[in-house]
Amino acid sequence: TNITFLTKVAAVKTLDLASLGATRPMEVQVFRLDRETAIVCLPCEIFVELGLAIKRASPFRHTMVISVCNDRPSYVPTQKAFAEGSYEVTNARVAPGAGEMLVAAAVKLLGSLKAE
């Protein structure tokens, strides 16, 4: 039997998700270094478009986005990428929209830090 690479990836993902459970908390951390600089720490391997969305919406002049912080369950694709499909989408342990939820959480936290 000739099993494709993506079929193997999907099988490993299915087994992994079965052991992890239906939902999984994901931590978003935000630190202010000074009045103009903040750091955002996200779990997983975040698609670049999500990091850029955080930078664009940040109230700080300089915002650094760091991924693979505290946890690394897999990739976090954009909703657009989920629609297109790819290795990262097949391997993702998150539902479509999770990346945009992380962006919203980070931007909200950045706003609260800027207000302090």
C-alpha atoms as a PDB file:
ATOM      1  CA  THR A   1       0.000   0.000   0.000  1.00  0.00           C
ATOM      2  CA  ASN A   2       1.282   3.426  -0.968  1.00  0.00           C
ATOM      3  CA  ILE A   3       0.317   5.955   1.709  1.00  0.00           C
ATOM      4  CA  THR A   4       1.019   9.605   0.932  1.00  0.00           C
ATOM      5  CA  PHE A   5       3.019  11.836   3.241  1.00  0.00           C
ATOM      6  CA  LEU A   6       0.010  14.080   3.968  1.00  0.00           C
ATOM      7  CA  THR A   7      -2.078  11.020   4.857  1.00  0.00           C
ATOM      8  CA  LYS A   8       0.585  10.037   7.402  1.00  0.00           C
ATOM      9  CA  VAL A   9       0.637  13.613   8.776  1.00  0.00           C
ATOM     10  CA  ALA A  10      -3.167  13.557   9.120  1.00  0.00           C
ATOM     11  CA  ALA A  11      -3.027  10.195  10.925  1.00  0.00           C
ATOM     12  CA  VAL A  12      -0.447  11.452  13.442  1.00  0.00           C
ATOM     13  CA  LYS A  13      -2.526  14.595  13.980  1.00  0.00           C
ATOM     14  CA  THR A  14      -5.658  12.516  14.629  1.00  0.00           C
ATOM     15  CA  LEU A  15      -3.856  10.381  17.226  1.00  0.00           C
ATOM     16  CA  ASP A  16      -2.335  13.466  18.847  1.00  0.00           C
ATOM     17  CA  LEU A  17      -5.678  15.264  19.066  1.00  0.00           C
ATOM     18  CA  ALA A  18      -7.298  12.163  20.559  1.00  0.00           C
ATOM     19  CA  SER A  19      -4.759  12.241  23.390  1.00  0.00           C
ATOM     20  CA  LEU A  20      -4.988  16.032  23.912  1.00  0.00           C
ATOM     21  CA  GLY A  21      -8.760  16.330  24.125  1.00  0.00           C
ATOM     22  CA  ALA A  22     -11.292  18.475  22.302  1.00  0.00           C
ATOM     23  CA  THR A  23      -9.992  21.852  23.456  1.00  0.00           C
ATOM     24  CA  ARG A  24      -6.675  23.238  24.573  1.00  0.00           C
ATOM     25  CA  PRO A  25      -5.903  26.564  26.240  1.00  0.00           C
ATOM     26  CA  MET A  26      -3.398  28.788  24.462  1.00  0.00           C
ATOM     27  CA  GLU A  27      -1.539  31.486  26.365  1.00  0.00           C
ATOM     28  CA  VAL A  28      -0.872  34.937  24.918  1.00  0.00           C
ATOM     29  CA  GLN A  29       1.673  37.043  26.801  1.00  0.00           C
ATOM     30  CA  VAL A  30       2.405  40.721  26.256  1.00  0.00           C
ATOM     31  CA  PHE A  31       5.211  42.743  27.832  1.00  0.00           C
ATOM     32  CA  ARG A  32       5.888  46.464  27.629  1.00  0.00           C
ATOM     33  CA  LEU A  33       9.578  47.355  27.600  1.00  0.00           C
ATOM     34  CA  ASP A  34       9.060  51.110  27.460  1.00  0.00           C
ATOM     35  CA  ARG A  35       6.488  53.639  26.185  1.00  0.00           C
ATOM     36  CA  GLU A  36       7.141  52.681  22.564  1.00  0.00           C
ATOM     37  CA  THR A  37       8.161  49.011  22.657  1.00  0.00           C
ATOM     38  CA  ALA A  38       6.227  45.828  23.400  1.00  0.00           C
ATOM     39  CA  ILE A  39       6.775  42.099  22.985  1.00  0.00           C
ATOM     40  CA  VAL A  40       4.024  39.609  22.155  1.00  0.00           C
ATOM     41  CA  CYS A  41       4.631  35.930  22.931  1.00  0.00           C
ATOM     42  CA  LEU A  42       2.417  33.365  21.192  1.00  0.00           C
ATOM     43  CA  PRO A  43       2.334  29.572  21.294  1.00  0.00           C
ATOM     44  CA  CYS A  44       2.808  27.478  18.159  1.00  0.00           C
ATOM     45  CA  GLU A  45       4.303  28.403  14.819  1.00  0.00           C
ATOM     46  CA  ILE A  46       2.259  31.422  13.786  1.00  0.00           C
ATOM     47  CA  PHE A  47       1.787  32.284  10.131  1.00  0.00           C
ATOM     48  CA  VAL A  48       3.601  35.532   9.308  1.00  0.00           C
ATOM     49  CA  GLU A  49       0.379  37.275   8.248  1.00  0.00           C
ATOM     50  CA  LEU A  50      -0.932  36.896  11.805  1.00  0.00           C
ATOM     51  CA  GLY A  51       2.198  38.419  13.310  1.00  0.00           C
ATOM     52  CA  LEU A  52       2.053  41.294  10.845  1.00  0.00           C
ATOM     53  CA  ALA A  53      -1.612  41.886  11.730  1.00  0.00           C
ATOM     54  CA  ILE A  54      -0.599  42.262  15.383  1.00  0.00           C
ATOM     55  CA  LYS A  55       2.161  44.720  14.473  1.00  0.00           C
ATOM     56  CA  ARG A  56      -0.200  46.801  12.313  1.00  0.00           C
ATOM     57  CA  ALA A  57      -2.865  46.993  15.036  1.00  0.00           C
ATOM     58  CA  SER A  58      -0.468  47.535  17.934  1.00  0.00           C
ATOM     59  CA  PRO A  59      -0.619  50.920  19.670  1.00  0.00           C
ATOM     60  CA  PHE A  60       3.152  50.657  20.240  1.00  0.00           C
ATOM     61  CA  ARG A  61       5.648  52.111  17.778  1.00  0.00           C
ATOM     62  CA  HIS A  62       7.756  48.942  18.011  1.00  0.00           C
ATOM     63  CA  THR A  63       6.110  45.555  18.536  1.00  0.00           C
ATOM     64  CA  MET A  64       8.040  42.301  18.418  1.00  0.00           C
ATOM     65  CA  VAL A  65       6.049  39.105  17.896  1.00  0.00           C
ATOM     66  CA  ILE A  66       7.669  35.884  19.052  1.00  0.00           C
ATOM     67  CA  SER A  67       6.132  32.495  18.329  1.00  0.00           C
ATOM     68  CA  VAL A  68       6.728  29.038  19.820  1.00  0.00           C
ATOM     69  CA  CYS A  69       6.522  30.478  23.366  1.00  0.00           C
ATOM     70  CA  ASN A  70       5.548  28.150  26.213  1.00  0.00           C
ATOM     71  CA  ASP A  71       3.884  25.581  23.953  1.00  0.00           C
ATOM     72  CA  ARG A  72       4.246  24.197  20.462  1.00  0.00           C
ATOM     73  CA  PRO A  73       1.282  22.062  19.493  1.00  0.00           C
ATOM     74  CA  SER A  74       1.687  22.841  15.771  1.00  0.00           C
ATOM     75  CA  TYR A  75       1.143  25.525  13.168  1.00  0.00           C
ATOM     76  CA  VAL A  76      -1.455  28.267  13.398  1.00  0.00           C
ATOM     77  CA  PRO A  77      -2.514  29.100   9.836  1.00  0.00           C
ATOM     78  CA  THR A  78      -4.679  32.007   8.736  1.00  0.00           C
ATOM     79  CA  GLN A  79      -8.308  31.382   7.782  1.00  0.00           C
ATOM     80  CA  LYS A  80      -7.253  31.982   4.166  1.00  0.00           C
ATOM     81  CA  ALA A  81      -4.592  29.256   4.431  1.00  0.00           C
ATOM     82  CA  PHE A  82      -7.134  26.815   5.888  1.00  0.00           C
ATOM     83  CA  ALA A  83      -9.274  27.386   2.799  1.00  0.00           C
ATOM     84  CA  GLU A  84      -6.306  26.758   0.487  1.00  0.00           C
ATOM     85  CA  GLY A  85      -4.859  23.722   2.280  1.00  0.00           C
ATOM     86  CA  SER A  86      -1.185  22.819   2.732  1.00  0.00           C
ATOM     87  CA  TYR A  87       1.149  20.752   4.899  1.00  0.00           C
ATOM     88  CA  GLU A  88       0.834  23.305   7.707  1.00  0.00           C
ATOM     89  CA  VAL A  89      -2.970  23.184   7.536  1.00  0.00           C
ATOM     90  CA  THR A  90      -2.996  19.388   7.509  1.00  0.00           C
ATOM     91  CA  ASN A  91      -0.655  19.385  10.519  1.00  0.00           C
ATOM     92  CA  ALA A  92      -2.435  22.191  12.457  1.00  0.00           C
ATOM     93  CA  ARG A  93      -3.902  21.260  15.832  1.00  0.00           C
ATOM     94  CA  VAL A  94      -6.186  24.303  15.844  1.00  0.00           C
ATOM     95  CA  ALA A  95      -9.487  25.083  14.167  1.00  0.00           C
ATOM     96  CA  PRO A  96      -9.847  27.714  11.443  1.00  0.00           C
ATOM     97  CA  GLY A  97     -10.062  31.130  13.069  1.00  0.00           C
ATOM     98  CA  ALA A  98      -7.764  30.274  15.992  1.00  0.00           C
ATOM     99  CA  GLY A  99      -5.009  32.464  14.576  1.00  0.00           C
ATOM    100  CA  GLU A 100      -7.318  35.428  14.270  1.00  0.00           C
ATOM    101  CA  MET A 101      -8.449  34.816  17.878  1.00  0.00           C
ATOM    102  CA  LEU A 102      -4.808  34.966  19.007  1.00  0.00           C
ATOM    103  CA  VAL A 103      -4.358  38.230  17.094  1.00  0.00           C
ATOM    104  CA  ALA A 104      -7.446  39.737  18.747  1.00  0.00           C
ATOM    105  CA  ALA A 105      -6.253  38.670  22.214  1.00  0.00           C
ATOM    106  CA  ALA A 106      -2.774  40.102  21.636  1.00  0.00           C
ATOM    107  CA  VAL A 107      -4.114  43.420  20.322  1.00  0.00           C
ATOM    108  CA  LYS A 108      -6.503  43.727  23.295  1.00  0.00           C
ATOM    109  CA  LEU A 109      -3.652  43.073  25.737  1.00  0.00           C
ATOM    110  CA  LEU A 110      -1.403  45.561  23.937  1.00  0.00           C
ATOM    111  CA  GLY A 111      -4.138  48.187  24.216  1.00  0.00           C
ATOM    112  CA  SER A 112      -4.439  47.610  27.947  1.00  0.00           C
ATOM    113  CA  LEU A 113      -0.662  47.955  28.396  1.00  0.00           C
ATOM    114  CA  LYS A 114      -0.519  51.166  26.384  1.00  0.00           C
ATOM    115  CA  ALA A 115      -3.258  52.679  28.537  1.00  0.00           C
ATOM    116  CA  GLU A 116      -1.250  52.113  31.742  1.00  0.00           C
END
